[in-house]
C-alpha atoms as a PDB file:
ATOM      1  CA  MET A   1     -44.137 -56.974-156.643  1.00  0.00           C
ATOM      2  CA  ALA A   2     -44.945 -58.071-160.182  1.00  0.00           C
ATOM      3  CA  THR A   3     -42.145 -58.314-162.717  1.00  0.00           C
ATOM      4  CA  ASP A   4     -42.078 -55.883-165.613  1.00  0.00           C
ATOM      5  CA  GLU A   5     -43.058 -58.665-168.006  1.00  0.00           C
ATOM      6  CA  GLU A   6     -46.081 -59.476-165.834  1.00  0.00           C
ATOM      7  CA  VAL A   7     -47.080 -55.810-165.688  1.00  0.00           C
ATOM      8  CA  VAL A   8     -46.793 -55.436-169.462  1.00  0.00           C
ATOM      9  CA  ALA A   9     -48.402 -58.821-170.231  1.00  0.00           C
ATOM     10  CA  ALA A  10     -51.314 -58.026-167.920  1.00  0.00           C
ATOM     11  CA  ALA A  11     -52.089 -54.840-169.801  1.00  0.00           C
ATOM     12  CA  PRO A  12     -54.991 -55.412-172.120  1.00  0.00           C
ATOM     13  CA  ALA A  13     -55.110 -53.586-175.406  1.00  0.00           C
ATOM     14  CA  PRO A  14     -56.727 -50.201-174.839  1.00  0.00           C
ATOM     15  CA  VAL A  15     -60.457 -50.106-175.352  1.00  0.00           C
ATOM     16  CA  VAL A  16     -61.348 -46.806-176.953  1.00  0.00           C
ATOM     17  CA  GLU A  17     -64.980 -45.841-177.257  1.00  0.00           C
ATOM     18  CA  ALA A  18     -66.345 -45.696-180.762  1.00  0.00           C
ATOM     19  CA  GLY A  19     -66.664 -42.270-182.256  1.00  0.00           C
ATOM     20  CA  LEU A  20     -64.319 -39.350-182.606  1.00  0.00           C
ATOM     21  CA  LYS A  21     -60.681 -40.139-181.866  1.00  0.00           C
ATOM     22  CA  HIS A  22     -58.007 -37.492-181.568  1.00  0.00           C
ATOM     23  CA  LYS A  23     -55.215 -38.425-183.978  1.00  0.00           C
ATOM     24  CA  LEU A  24     -51.628 -37.500-183.146  1.00  0.00           C
ATOM     25  CA  GLU A  25     -49.189 -35.989-185.660  1.00  0.00           C
ATOM     26  CA  ARG A  26     -47.241 -39.265-185.747  1.00  0.00           C
ATOM     27  CA  LYS A  27     -47.225 -42.794-184.335  1.00  0.00           C
ATOM     28  CA  TRP A  28     -45.328 -43.587-181.126  1.00  0.00           C
ATOM     29  CA  THR A  29     -44.194 -46.906-179.658  1.00  0.00           C
ATOM     30  CA  PHE A  30     -43.698 -47.933-176.017  1.00  0.00           C
ATOM     31  CA  TRP A  31     -40.836 -50.310-175.280  1.00  0.00           C
ATOM     32  CA  CYS A  32     -39.802 -52.097-172.074  1.00  0.00           C
ATOM     33  CA  ASP A  33     -36.372 -53.400-171.137  1.00  0.00           C
ATOM     34  CA  ASN A  34     -35.901 -55.458-167.975  1.00  0.00           C
ATOM     35  CA  GLN A  35     -32.219 -55.953-167.226  1.00  0.00           C
ATOM     36  CA  SER A  36     -32.793 -56.988-163.599  1.00  0.00           C
ATOM     37  CA  LYS A  37     -32.002 -60.649-164.324  1.00  0.00           C
ATOM     38  CA  PRO A  38     -29.743 -60.713-167.370  1.00  0.00           C
ATOM     39  CA  LYS A  39     -28.895 -64.096-168.841  1.00  0.00           C
ATOM     40  CA  GLN A  40     -25.203 -64.907-168.697  1.00  0.00           C
ATOM     41  CA  GLY A  41     -23.486 -63.869-171.921  1.00  0.00           C
ATOM     42  CA  ALA A  42     -26.626 -62.216-173.333  1.00  0.00           C
ATOM     43  CA  ALA A  43     -25.952 -59.237-175.583  1.00  0.00           C
ATOM     44  CA  TRP A  44     -27.332 -55.838-174.602  1.00  0.00           C
ATOM     45  CA  GLY A  45     -30.816 -55.297-175.967  1.00  0.00           C
ATOM     46  CA  THR A  46     -31.910 -58.942-175.888  1.00  0.00           C
ATOM     47  CA  SER A  47     -34.448 -58.094-173.166  1.00  0.00           C
ATOM     48  CA  LEU A  48     -35.796 -55.060-175.067  1.00  0.00           C
ATOM     49  CA  ARG A  49     -39.442 -55.581-176.035  1.00  0.00           C
ATOM     50  CA  LYS A  50     -41.785 -53.560-178.221  1.00  0.00           C
ATOM     51  CA  VAL A  51     -44.999 -53.260-176.226  1.00  0.00           C
ATOM     52  CA  TYR A  52     -47.555 -51.106-178.036  1.00  0.00           C
ATOM     53  CA  THR A  53     -47.815 -48.593-180.884  1.00  0.00           C
ATOM     54  CA  PHE A  54     -50.447 -45.876-180.748  1.00  0.00           C
ATOM     55  CA  ASP A  55     -51.513 -42.811-182.723  1.00  0.00           C
ATOM     56  CA  THR A  56     -54.455 -41.339-180.793  1.00  0.00           C
ATOM     57  CA  VAL A  57     -54.771 -39.368-177.561  1.00  0.00           C
ATOM     58  CA  GLU A  58     -57.282 -41.911-176.259  1.00  0.00           C
ATOM     59  CA  GLU A  59     -54.916 -44.873-176.745  1.00  0.00           C
ATOM     60  CA  PHE A  60     -52.122 -42.968-175.009  1.00  0.00           C
ATOM     61  CA  TRP A  61     -54.205 -42.306-171.890  1.00  0.00           C
ATOM     62  CA  CYS A  62     -55.490 -45.883-171.711  1.00  0.00           C
ATOM     63  CA  LEU A  63     -51.915 -47.176-171.867  1.00  0.00           C
ATOM     64  CA  TYR A  64     -50.457 -44.634-169.480  1.00  0.00           C
ATOM     65  CA  ASP A  65     -53.168 -45.086-166.857  1.00  0.00           C
ATOM     66  CA  GLN A  66     -52.748 -48.861-166.857  1.00  0.00           C
ATOM     67  CA  ILE A  67     -49.017 -49.524-166.953  1.00  0.00           C
ATOM     68  CA  PHE A  68     -46.575 -46.984-168.245  1.00  0.00           C
ATOM     69  CA  LYS A  69     -45.333 -45.302-165.059  1.00  0.00           C
ATOM     70  CA  PRO A  70     -41.657 -45.639-164.055  1.00  0.00           C
ATOM     71  CA  SER A  71     -42.593 -46.066-160.378  1.00  0.00           C
ATOM     72  CA  LYS A  72     -44.079 -49.451-161.321  1.00  0.00           C
ATOM     73  CA  LEU A  73     -40.723 -50.726-162.599  1.00  0.00           C
ATOM     74  CA  GLN A  74     -38.231 -52.731-160.596  1.00  0.00           C
ATOM     75  CA  ASN A  75     -34.545 -51.799-160.432  1.00  0.00           C
ATOM     76  CA  ASN A  76     -32.527 -52.052-163.662  1.00  0.00           C
ATOM     77  CA  ALA A  77     -35.561 -51.706-165.896  1.00  0.00           C
ATOM     78  CA  ASP A  78     -36.405 -49.059-168.501  1.00  0.00           C
ATOM     79  CA  PHE A  79     -39.514 -47.723-170.206  1.00  0.00           C
ATOM     80  CA  HIS A  80     -39.057 -46.091-173.610  1.00  0.00           C
ATOM     81  CA  LEU A  81     -41.333 -44.010-175.802  1.00  0.00           C
ATOM     82  CA  PHE A  82     -39.874 -43.583-179.296  1.00  0.00           C
ATOM     83  CA  LYS A  83     -41.190 -42.512-182.651  1.00  0.00           C
ATOM     84  CA  THR A  84     -42.521 -45.577-184.432  1.00  0.00           C
ATOM     85  CA  GLY A  85     -39.842 -47.028-186.671  1.00  0.00           C
ATOM     86  CA  VAL A  86     -37.002 -45.943-184.350  1.00  0.00           C
ATOM     87  CA  GLU A  87     -35.575 -48.537-181.958  1.00  0.00           C
ATOM     88  CA  PRO A  88     -34.224 -47.257-178.640  1.00  0.00           C
ATOM     89  CA  LYS A  89     -30.675 -48.359-179.467  1.00  0.00           C
ATOM     90  CA  TRP A  90     -27.544 -46.407-180.356  1.00  0.00           C
ATOM     91  CA  GLU A  91     -27.234 -48.622-183.427  1.00  0.00           C
ATOM     92  CA  ASP A  92     -30.552 -47.510-184.921  1.00  0.00           C
ATOM     93  CA  PRO A  93     -29.799 -45.295-187.960  1.00  0.00           C
ATOM     94  CA  GLU A  94     -31.946 -42.480-186.503  1.00  0.00           C
ATOM     95  CA  CYS A  95     -29.989 -42.547-183.220  1.00  0.00           C
ATOM     96  CA  ALA A  96     -26.482 -43.412-184.460  1.00  0.00           C
ATOM     97  CA  ASN A  97     -25.279 -39.796-184.818  1.00  0.00           C
ATOM     98  CA  GLY A  98     -27.261 -38.499-181.885  1.00  0.00           C
ATOM     99  CA  GLY A  99     -27.065 -38.113-178.169  1.00  0.00           C
ATOM    100  CA  LYS A 100     -29.185 -37.467-175.119  1.00  0.00           C
ATOM    101  CA  TRP A 101     -30.146 -34.906-172.524  1.00  0.00           C
ATOM    102  CA  THR A 102     -30.277 -36.514-169.067  1.00  0.00           C
ATOM    103  CA  VAL A 103     -31.949 -35.577-165.812  1.00  0.00           C
ATOM    104  CA  THR A 104     -31.546 -37.585-162.588  1.00  0.00           C
ATOM    105  CA  SER A 105     -33.991 -38.166-159.764  1.00  0.00           C
ATOM    106  CA  ASN A 106     -32.734 -39.330-156.382  1.00  0.00           C
ATOM    107  CA  ILE A 107     -34.078 -42.510-154.840  1.00  0.00           C
ATOM    108  CA  GLY A 108     -37.279 -42.035-152.899  1.00  0.00           C
ATOM    109  CA  ARG A 109     -38.560 -39.490-155.408  1.00  0.00           C
ATOM    110  CA  LYS A 110     -40.498 -41.830-157.675  1.00  0.00           C
ATOM    111  CA  ALA A 111     -43.438 -39.417-157.807  1.00  0.00           C
ATOM    112  CA  ASN A 112     -41.078 -36.766-159.193  1.00  0.00           C
ATOM    113  CA  LEU A 113     -39.801 -39.205-161.837  1.00  0.00           C
ATOM    114  CA  ASP A 114     -43.382 -40.126-162.771  1.00  0.00           C
ATOM    115  CA  ASN A 115     -44.318 -36.437-163.119  1.00  0.00           C
ATOM    116  CA  MET A 116     -41.295 -35.605-165.304  1.00  0.00           C
ATOM    117  CA  TRP A 117     -41.982 -38.723-167.402  1.00  0.00           C
ATOM    118  CA  LEU A 118     -45.630 -37.805-167.956  1.00  0.00           C
ATOM    119  CA  GLU A 119     -44.835 -34.153-168.782  1.00  0.00           C
ATOM    120  CA  THR A 120     -42.219 -35.332-171.290  1.00  0.00           C
ATOM    121  CA  LEU A 121     -44.578 -37.846-172.906  1.00  0.00           C
ATOM    122  CA  MET A 122     -47.300 -35.230-173.306  1.00  0.00           C
ATOM    123  CA  ALA A 123     -44.795 -32.750-174.771  1.00  0.00           C
ATOM    124  CA  LEU A 124     -43.576 -35.337-177.289  1.00  0.00           C
ATOM    125  CA  ILE A 125     -46.935 -36.590-178.507  1.00  0.00           C
ATOM    126  CA  GLY A 126     -48.300 -33.032-178.400  1.00  0.00           C
ATOM    127  CA  GLU A 127     -45.418 -31.810-180.622  1.00  0.00           C
ATOM    128  CA  GLN A 128     -44.385 -29.057-178.181  1.00  0.00           C
ATOM    129  CA  PHE A 129     -40.717 -28.971-179.247  1.00  0.00           C
ATOM    130  CA  GLU A 130     -39.689 -26.542-181.976  1.00  0.00           C
ATOM    131  CA  ASP A 131     -37.099 -29.074-183.174  1.00  0.00           C
ATOM    132  CA  ALA A 132     -39.452 -32.080-182.866  1.00  0.00           C
ATOM    133  CA  GLU A 133     -38.019 -33.706-186.011  1.00  0.00           C
ATOM    134  CA  ASP A 134     -34.677 -34.080-184.222  1.00  0.00           C
ATOM    135  CA  ILE A 135     -36.150 -35.968-181.252  1.00  0.00           C
ATOM    136  CA  CYS A 136     -36.077 -39.775-181.295  1.00  0.00           C
ATOM    137  CA  GLY A 137     -37.722 -40.519-177.947  1.00  0.00           C
ATOM    138  CA  VAL A 138     -37.368 -40.658-174.176  1.00  0.00           C
ATOM    139  CA  VAL A 139     -36.134 -43.303-171.732  1.00  0.00           C
ATOM    140  CA  ALA A 140     -37.018 -43.674-168.037  1.00  0.00           C
ATOM    141  CA  SER A 141     -34.363 -45.765-166.259  1.00  0.00           C
ATOM    142  CA  VAL A 142     -35.000 -47.077-162.746  1.00  0.00           C
ATOM    143  CA  ARG A 143     -31.832 -47.860-160.803  1.00  0.00           C
ATOM    144  CA  GLN A 144     -31.042 -48.741-157.207  1.00  0.00           C
ATOM    145  CA  TRP A 145     -29.460 -45.410-156.236  1.00  0.00           C
ATOM    146  CA  GLN A 146     -30.617 -42.926-158.827  1.00  0.00           C
ATOM    147  CA  ASP A 147     -33.300 -42.903-161.506  1.00  0.00           C
ATOM    148  CA  LYS A 148     -32.793 -41.165-164.862  1.00  0.00           C
ATOM    149  CA  LEU A 149     -34.812 -39.661-167.639  1.00  0.00           C
ATOM    150  CA  SER A 150     -33.040 -39.255-170.994  1.00  0.00           C
ATOM    151  CA  LEU A 151     -34.325 -37.420-174.051  1.00  0.00           C
ATOM    152  CA  TRP A 152     -32.682 -38.872-177.183  1.00  0.00           C
ATOM    153  CA  THR A 153     -32.049 -36.795-180.295  1.00  0.00           C
ATOM    154  CA  LYS A 154     -30.645 -37.691-183.709  1.00  0.00           C
ATOM    155  CA  THR A 155     -28.135 -34.976-184.710  1.00  0.00           C
ATOM    156  CA  ALA A 156     -25.773 -34.420-181.798  1.00  0.00           C
ATOM    157  CA  ALA A 157     -23.504 -32.101-183.820  1.00  0.00           C
ATOM    158  CA  ASN A 158     -26.361 -29.616-184.378  1.00  0.00           C
ATOM    159  CA  GLU A 159     -25.659 -27.558-181.259  1.00  0.00           C
ATOM    160  CA  ALA A 160     -28.384 -24.967-181.931  1.00  0.00           C
ATOM    161  CA  ALA A 161     -31.087 -27.655-182.145  1.00  0.00           C
ATOM    162  CA  GLN A 162     -29.788 -29.480-179.065  1.00  0.00           C
ATOM    163  CA  MET A 163     -29.653 -26.296-176.969  1.00  0.00           C
ATOM    164  CA  SER A 164     -33.189 -25.385-178.062  1.00  0.00           C
ATOM    165  CA  ILE A 165     -34.445 -28.871-177.144  1.00  0.00           C
ATOM    166  CA  GLY A 166     -32.593 -28.864-173.810  1.00  0.00           C
ATOM    167  CA  ARG A 167     -33.955 -25.466-172.765  1.00  0.00           C
ATOM    168  CA  LYS A 168     -37.497 -26.413-173.740  1.00  0.00           C
ATOM    169  CA  TRP A 169     -37.274 -29.755-171.932  1.00  0.00           C
ATOM    170  CA  LYS A 170     -36.057 -28.095-168.714  1.00  0.00           C
ATOM    171  CA  GLU A 171     -39.042 -25.772-168.891  1.00  0.00           C
ATOM    172  CA  ILE A 172     -41.458 -28.658-169.519  1.00  0.00           C
ATOM    173  CA  ILE A 173     -40.224 -30.805-166.622  1.00  0.00           C
ATOM    174  CA  ASP A 174     -39.675 -27.784-164.348  1.00  0.00           C
ATOM    175  CA  VAL A 175     -36.029 -28.470-163.465  1.00  0.00           C
ATOM    176  CA  ASN A 176     -33.747 -25.737-162.114  1.00  0.00           C
ATOM    177  CA  ASP A 177     -30.514 -27.749-161.923  1.00  0.00           C
ATOM    178  CA  LYS A 178     -28.207 -27.839-164.925  1.00  0.00           C
ATOM    179  CA  ILE A 179     -28.661 -30.740-167.304  1.00  0.00           C
ATOM    180  CA  THR A 180     -26.083 -32.031-169.758  1.00  0.00           C
ATOM    181  CA  TYR A 181     -26.076 -33.474-173.241  1.00  0.00           C
ATOM    182  CA  ASN A 182     -23.853 -36.420-174.158  1.00  0.00           C
ATOM    183  CA  PHE A 183     -23.048 -37.699-177.640  1.00  0.00           C
ATOM    184  CA  HIS A 184     -23.790 -41.426-178.049  1.00  0.00           C
ATOM    185  CA  ASP A 185     -20.323 -41.742-179.637  1.00  0.00           C
ATOM    186  CA  ASP A 186     -18.725 -40.527-176.388  1.00  0.00           C
ATOM    187  CA  SER A 187     -20.801 -42.949-174.319  1.00  0.00           C
ATOM    188  CA  ARG A 188     -19.537 -45.905-176.361  1.00  0.00           C
ATOM    189  CA  THR A 189     -16.014 -45.434-175.009  1.00  0.00           C
ATOM    190  CA  LYS A 190     -15.180 -46.826-171.593  1.00  0.00           C
ATOM    191  CA  GLY A 191     -14.739 -44.444-168.692  1.00  0.00           C
ATOM    192  CA  ALA A 192     -16.462 -41.240-167.671  1.00  0.00           C
ATOM    193  CA  THR A 193     -17.999 -39.184-170.437  1.00  0.00           C
ATOM    194  CA  LYS A 194     -17.997 -35.423-170.489  1.00  0.00           C
ATOM    195  CA  GLY A 195     -21.176 -33.551-171.291  1.00  0.00           C
ATOM    196  CA  ARG A 196     -20.898 -31.639-174.576  1.00  0.00           C
ATOM    197  CA  TYR A 197     -23.684 -29.101-173.952  1.00  0.00           C
ATOM    198  CA  THR A 198     -25.209 -27.783-170.732  1.00  0.00           C
ATOM    199  CA  VAL A 199     -28.379 -25.784-170.028  1.00  0.00           C
END
């Protein structure tokens, strides 16, 4: 199986036919983070790579069809789609006071993870969330025992916005189980973190 770097490096820039292009409301950036072989003593985020920024429907589909599916990742790797200008790090000013809604997908259900990922991407670039300004991006994390999808937001203390986003996201990805929201501040402390909101 190809490494994540090989998959990303092999992806040519999208070729979009000349003519009418369907512009999105804002620019989005794909990121990849392969932590499967961390270098000893390397700080978190050193393997995080910006891959491609796009602002049209056509570019999105070219990119998605070629490489951006979580099922193509190896264990301990992540794909991110964030608003351009926002890095998928807690330290980014847009994320620093935020948190995330998280949904898990058991091993062997990669197709389910891919479907939830795609539905989330389309909802983000299609501006389907009422509180879209509060959303930073989404992360697909592939792990040995359980994969995760996390929707990052920027104002964790705004409970009304977070509950609205959480309910809408559950509807979009068609999940019946409860999902929880964690503040990034809580996740920075060692030990188990307690979800602040649940839908």
